[in-house]
């Protein structure tokens, strides 16, 4: 099974906010005539690249809970202009919504094993999605 990453989505208020930001950035790149791809720059380079690129995703924590994920397409280490090693985590731009799963704040990214990943919403679940505030309350009560 694929290995995943988990990271806080700083600045996003909702999954829709993240999707809008991605669309805006991709459109800016189209207009600028540069490669149209979505990536996140991070300082730490994952060591388990092969496992991550074997179907892994980055799960985004938004407002205290995992709410969505993006499939990892590539991991590109590089050195910035100041000589500091960095990494581009390149994603499929499609955001896949997941079951809400509570998470406390943390810095950077972490590995997320398949057993700890929330399931994707879709199919029968898609029409039965609860509002975020209700999912959060039910989860805090241990009912989700």
C-alpha atoms as a PDB file:
ATOM      1  CA  UNK A   1       0.000   0.000   0.000  1.00  0.00           C
ATOM      2  CA  UNK A   2       1.080   3.562  -0.669  1.00  0.00           C
ATOM      3  CA  UNK A   3       2.526   5.817   1.982  1.00  0.00           C
ATOM      4  CA  UNK A   4       0.968   9.272   2.428  1.00  0.00           C
ATOM      5  CA  UNK A   5       1.844  12.643   3.891  1.00  0.00           C
ATOM      6  CA  UNK A   6      -0.235  14.920   6.107  1.00  0.00           C
ATOM      7  CA  UNK A   7       0.181  18.686   6.421  1.00  0.00           C
ATOM      8  CA  UNK A   8      -1.668  21.714   7.750  1.00  0.00           C
ATOM      9  CA  UNK A   9      -3.290  23.809   5.012  1.00  0.00           C
ATOM     10  CA  UNK A  10      -2.397  27.193   6.484  1.00  0.00           C
ATOM     11  CA  UNK A  11      -4.608  30.066   5.381  1.00  0.00           C
ATOM     12  CA  UNK A  12      -7.459  27.988   3.952  1.00  0.00           C
ATOM     13  CA  UNK A  13     -10.835  28.349   5.643  1.00  0.00           C
ATOM     14  CA  UNK A  14     -12.442  25.433   3.782  1.00  0.00           C
ATOM     15  CA  UNK A  15     -11.902  22.849   1.051  1.00  0.00           C
ATOM     16  CA  UNK A  16     -13.598  25.262  -1.370  1.00  0.00           C
ATOM     17  CA  UNK A  17     -11.084  27.934  -0.383  1.00  0.00           C
ATOM     18  CA  UNK A  18      -8.206  25.537  -1.193  1.00  0.00           C
ATOM     19  CA  UNK A  19      -9.792  24.602  -4.544  1.00  0.00           C
ATOM     20  CA  UNK A  20     -10.232  28.282  -5.457  1.00  0.00           C
ATOM     21  CA  UNK A  21      -6.615  29.037  -4.536  1.00  0.00           C
ATOM     22  CA  UNK A  22      -5.360  26.124  -6.676  1.00  0.00           C
ATOM     23  CA  UNK A  23      -7.464  27.280  -9.653  1.00  0.00           C
ATOM     24  CA  UNK A  24      -6.152  30.840  -9.262  1.00  0.00           C
ATOM     25  CA  UNK A  25      -2.506  29.725  -9.120  1.00  0.00           C
ATOM     26  CA  UNK A  26      -2.906  27.442 -12.162  1.00  0.00           C
ATOM     27  CA  UNK A  27      -4.530  30.259 -14.140  1.00  0.00           C
ATOM     28  CA  UNK A  28      -1.688  32.629 -13.168  1.00  0.00           C
ATOM     29  CA  UNK A  29       0.810  30.061 -14.478  1.00  0.00           C
ATOM     30  CA  UNK A  30      -1.136  29.638 -17.754  1.00  0.00           C
ATOM     31  CA  UNK A  31      -1.075  33.411 -18.301  1.00  0.00           C
ATOM     32  CA  UNK A  32       2.640  33.616 -17.463  1.00  0.00           C
ATOM     33  CA  UNK A  33       3.442  30.834 -19.949  1.00  0.00           C
ATOM     34  CA  UNK A  34       5.145  28.605 -17.391  1.00  0.00           C
ATOM     35  CA  UNK A  35       4.523  24.942 -16.620  1.00  0.00           C
ATOM     36  CA  UNK A  36       0.967  24.583 -15.366  1.00  0.00           C
ATOM     37  CA  UNK A  37       1.348  22.352 -12.334  1.00  0.00           C
ATOM     38  CA  UNK A  38       0.392  22.565  -8.705  1.00  0.00           C
ATOM     39  CA  UNK A  39       3.127  22.112  -6.111  1.00  0.00           C
ATOM     40  CA  UNK A  40       3.971  22.980  -2.538  1.00  0.00           C
ATOM     41  CA  UNK A  41       7.495  23.974  -1.535  1.00  0.00           C
ATOM     42  CA  UNK A  42       8.824  22.473   1.691  1.00  0.00           C
ATOM     43  CA  UNK A  43      12.181  22.526   3.440  1.00  0.00           C
ATOM     44  CA  UNK A  44      12.381  18.854   4.323  1.00  0.00           C
ATOM     45  CA  UNK A  45      12.756  16.260   1.563  1.00  0.00           C
ATOM     46  CA  UNK A  46      10.922  12.984   2.216  1.00  0.00           C
ATOM     47  CA  UNK A  47      13.247   9.979   2.399  1.00  0.00           C
ATOM     48  CA  UNK A  48      10.580   7.448   1.374  1.00  0.00           C
ATOM     49  CA  UNK A  49       9.972   8.882  -2.108  1.00  0.00           C
ATOM     50  CA  UNK A  50       9.311   5.566  -3.881  1.00  0.00           C
ATOM     51  CA  UNK A  51       6.577   4.632  -1.399  1.00  0.00           C
ATOM     52  CA  UNK A  52       4.981   8.075  -1.633  1.00  0.00           C
ATOM     53  CA  UNK A  53       4.943   8.067  -5.434  1.00  0.00           C
ATOM     54  CA  UNK A  54       3.384   4.595  -5.521  1.00  0.00           C
ATOM     55  CA  UNK A  55      -0.131   6.051  -5.262  1.00  0.00           C
ATOM     56  CA  UNK A  56       0.386   8.234  -2.187  1.00  0.00           C
ATOM     57  CA  UNK A  57      -1.367  11.501  -1.420  1.00  0.00           C
ATOM     58  CA  UNK A  58      -0.934  14.530   0.782  1.00  0.00           C
ATOM     59  CA  UNK A  59      -3.825  14.837   3.227  1.00  0.00           C
ATOM     60  CA  UNK A  60      -4.677  18.447   4.077  1.00  0.00           C
ATOM     61  CA  UNK A  61      -5.667  19.463   7.611  1.00  0.00           C
ATOM     62  CA  UNK A  62      -8.040  22.429   7.401  1.00  0.00           C
ATOM     63  CA  UNK A  63      -9.507  24.061  10.511  1.00  0.00           C
ATOM     64  CA  UNK A  64      -8.625  21.250  12.912  1.00  0.00           C
ATOM     65  CA  UNK A  65      -9.404  18.240  10.764  1.00  0.00           C
ATOM     66  CA  UNK A  66      -8.311  16.280   7.711  1.00  0.00           C
ATOM     67  CA  UNK A  67     -10.861  17.199   5.052  1.00  0.00           C
ATOM     68  CA  UNK A  68      -9.278  16.383   1.697  1.00  0.00           C
ATOM     69  CA  UNK A  69      -6.267  15.028  -0.124  1.00  0.00           C
ATOM     70  CA  UNK A  70      -4.300  15.503  -3.322  1.00  0.00           C
ATOM     71  CA  UNK A  71      -2.443  12.696  -5.095  1.00  0.00           C
ATOM     72  CA  UNK A  72       1.340  13.102  -5.197  1.00  0.00           C
ATOM     73  CA  UNK A  73       2.671  13.160  -8.760  1.00  0.00           C
ATOM     74  CA  UNK A  74       6.348  13.938  -8.157  1.00  0.00           C
ATOM     75  CA  UNK A  75       8.843  14.971  -5.486  1.00  0.00           C
ATOM     76  CA  UNK A  76      11.591  17.299  -6.721  1.00  0.00           C
ATOM     77  CA  UNK A  77      14.445  18.260  -4.400  1.00  0.00           C
ATOM     78  CA  UNK A  78      16.293  21.482  -5.313  1.00  0.00           C
ATOM     79  CA  UNK A  79      18.578  24.124  -3.845  1.00  0.00           C
ATOM     80  CA  UNK A  80      17.161  27.638  -3.649  1.00  0.00           C
ATOM     81  CA  UNK A  81      18.984  30.880  -4.432  1.00  0.00           C
ATOM     82  CA  UNK A  82      20.336  31.079  -0.880  1.00  0.00           C
ATOM     83  CA  UNK A  83      21.856  27.593  -1.042  1.00  0.00           C
ATOM     84  CA  UNK A  84      19.150  26.004   1.126  1.00  0.00           C
ATOM     85  CA  UNK A  85      17.881  22.559   0.182  1.00  0.00           C
ATOM     86  CA  UNK A  86      14.162  22.501  -0.495  1.00  0.00           C
ATOM     87  CA  UNK A  87      11.618  20.272  -2.179  1.00  0.00           C
ATOM     88  CA  UNK A  88       8.619  20.669  -4.466  1.00  0.00           C
ATOM     89  CA  UNK A  89       5.795  18.269  -3.663  1.00  0.00           C
ATOM     90  CA  UNK A  90       3.955  18.126  -7.001  1.00  0.00           C
ATOM     91  CA  UNK A  91       0.244  17.259  -6.910  1.00  0.00           C
ATOM     92  CA  UNK A  92      -2.572  16.286  -9.179  1.00  0.00           C
ATOM     93  CA  UNK A  93      -4.636  19.499  -9.013  1.00  0.00           C
ATOM     94  CA  UNK A  94      -7.859  17.574  -8.266  1.00  0.00           C
ATOM     95  CA  UNK A  95      -8.843  17.812  -4.606  1.00  0.00           C
ATOM     96  CA  UNK A  96     -10.499  14.664  -3.246  1.00  0.00           C
ATOM     97  CA  UNK A  97     -12.715  15.185  -0.220  1.00  0.00           C
ATOM     98  CA  UNK A  98     -12.311  12.773   2.667  1.00  0.00           C
ATOM     99  CA  UNK A  99     -14.133  11.890   5.837  1.00  0.00           C
ATOM    100  CA  UNK A 100     -13.425  14.548   8.459  1.00  0.00           C
ATOM    101  CA  UNK A 101     -10.777  13.351  10.917  1.00  0.00           C
ATOM    102  CA  UNK A 102      -9.654  15.564  13.836  1.00  0.00           C
ATOM    103  CA  UNK A 103      -5.979  16.595  13.976  1.00  0.00           C
ATOM    104  CA  UNK A 104      -4.060  18.816  16.347  1.00  0.00           C
ATOM    105  CA  UNK A 105      -1.716  21.454  14.911  1.00  0.00           C
ATOM    106  CA  UNK A 106       1.857  20.417  14.070  1.00  0.00           C
ATOM    107  CA  UNK A 107       4.732  21.849  12.069  1.00  0.00           C
ATOM    108  CA  UNK A 108       5.841  20.662   8.657  1.00  0.00           C
ATOM    109  CA  UNK A 109       4.569  17.447   7.171  1.00  0.00           C
ATOM    110  CA  UNK A 110       4.364  13.946   8.623  1.00  0.00           C
ATOM    111  CA  UNK A 111       4.160  10.486   7.107  1.00  0.00           C
ATOM    112  CA  UNK A 112       0.662   9.008   7.255  1.00  0.00           C
ATOM    113  CA  UNK A 113       0.333   5.242   6.993  1.00  0.00           C
ATOM    114  CA  UNK A 114      -2.665   3.792   5.115  1.00  0.00           C
ATOM    115  CA  UNK A 115      -4.217   2.445   8.327  1.00  0.00           C
ATOM    116  CA  UNK A 116      -4.515   6.020   9.693  1.00  0.00           C
ATOM    117  CA  UNK A 117      -5.904   7.695   6.570  1.00  0.00           C
ATOM    118  CA  UNK A 118      -9.517   8.836   6.400  1.00  0.00           C
ATOM    119  CA  UNK A 119     -11.633   7.335   3.651  1.00  0.00           C
ATOM    120  CA  UNK A 120     -12.591   9.296   0.565  1.00  0.00           C
ATOM    121  CA  UNK A 121     -16.076  10.706   0.284  1.00  0.00           C
ATOM    122  CA  UNK A 122     -17.860   9.648  -2.857  1.00  0.00           C
ATOM    123  CA  UNK A 123     -20.414   7.291  -4.267  1.00  0.00           C
ATOM    124  CA  UNK A 124     -23.117   6.718  -1.668  1.00  0.00           C
ATOM    125  CA  UNK A 125     -21.317   8.933   0.875  1.00  0.00           C
ATOM    126  CA  UNK A 126     -21.351  11.992  -1.398  1.00  0.00           C
ATOM    127  CA  UNK A 127     -25.068  12.664  -1.012  1.00  0.00           C
ATOM    128  CA  UNK A 128     -24.963  11.973   2.714  1.00  0.00           C
ATOM    129  CA  UNK A 129     -22.173  14.390   3.603  1.00  0.00           C
ATOM    130  CA  UNK A 130     -22.842  16.188   6.868  1.00  0.00           C
ATOM    131  CA  UNK A 131     -22.026  19.864   7.331  1.00  0.00           C
ATOM    132  CA  UNK A 132     -18.502  20.394   8.676  1.00  0.00           C
ATOM    133  CA  UNK A 133     -19.585  21.779  12.060  1.00  0.00           C
ATOM    134  CA  UNK A 134     -21.862  18.762  12.628  1.00  0.00           C
ATOM    135  CA  UNK A 135     -19.147  16.271  11.566  1.00  0.00           C
ATOM    136  CA  UNK A 136     -16.696  17.989  13.915  1.00  0.00           C
ATOM    137  CA  UNK A 137     -19.100  17.846  16.882  1.00  0.00           C
ATOM    138  CA  UNK A 138     -19.995  14.206  16.247  1.00  0.00           C
ATOM    139  CA  UNK A 139     -16.315  13.320  15.938  1.00  0.00           C
ATOM    140  CA  UNK A 140     -15.476  15.080  19.210  1.00  0.00           C
ATOM    141  CA  UNK A 141     -18.234  13.061  20.867  1.00  0.00           C
ATOM    142  CA  UNK A 142     -16.700   9.858  19.472  1.00  0.00           C
ATOM    143  CA  UNK A 143     -19.695   9.148  17.234  1.00  0.00           C
ATOM    144  CA  UNK A 144     -17.826   9.358  13.915  1.00  0.00           C
END
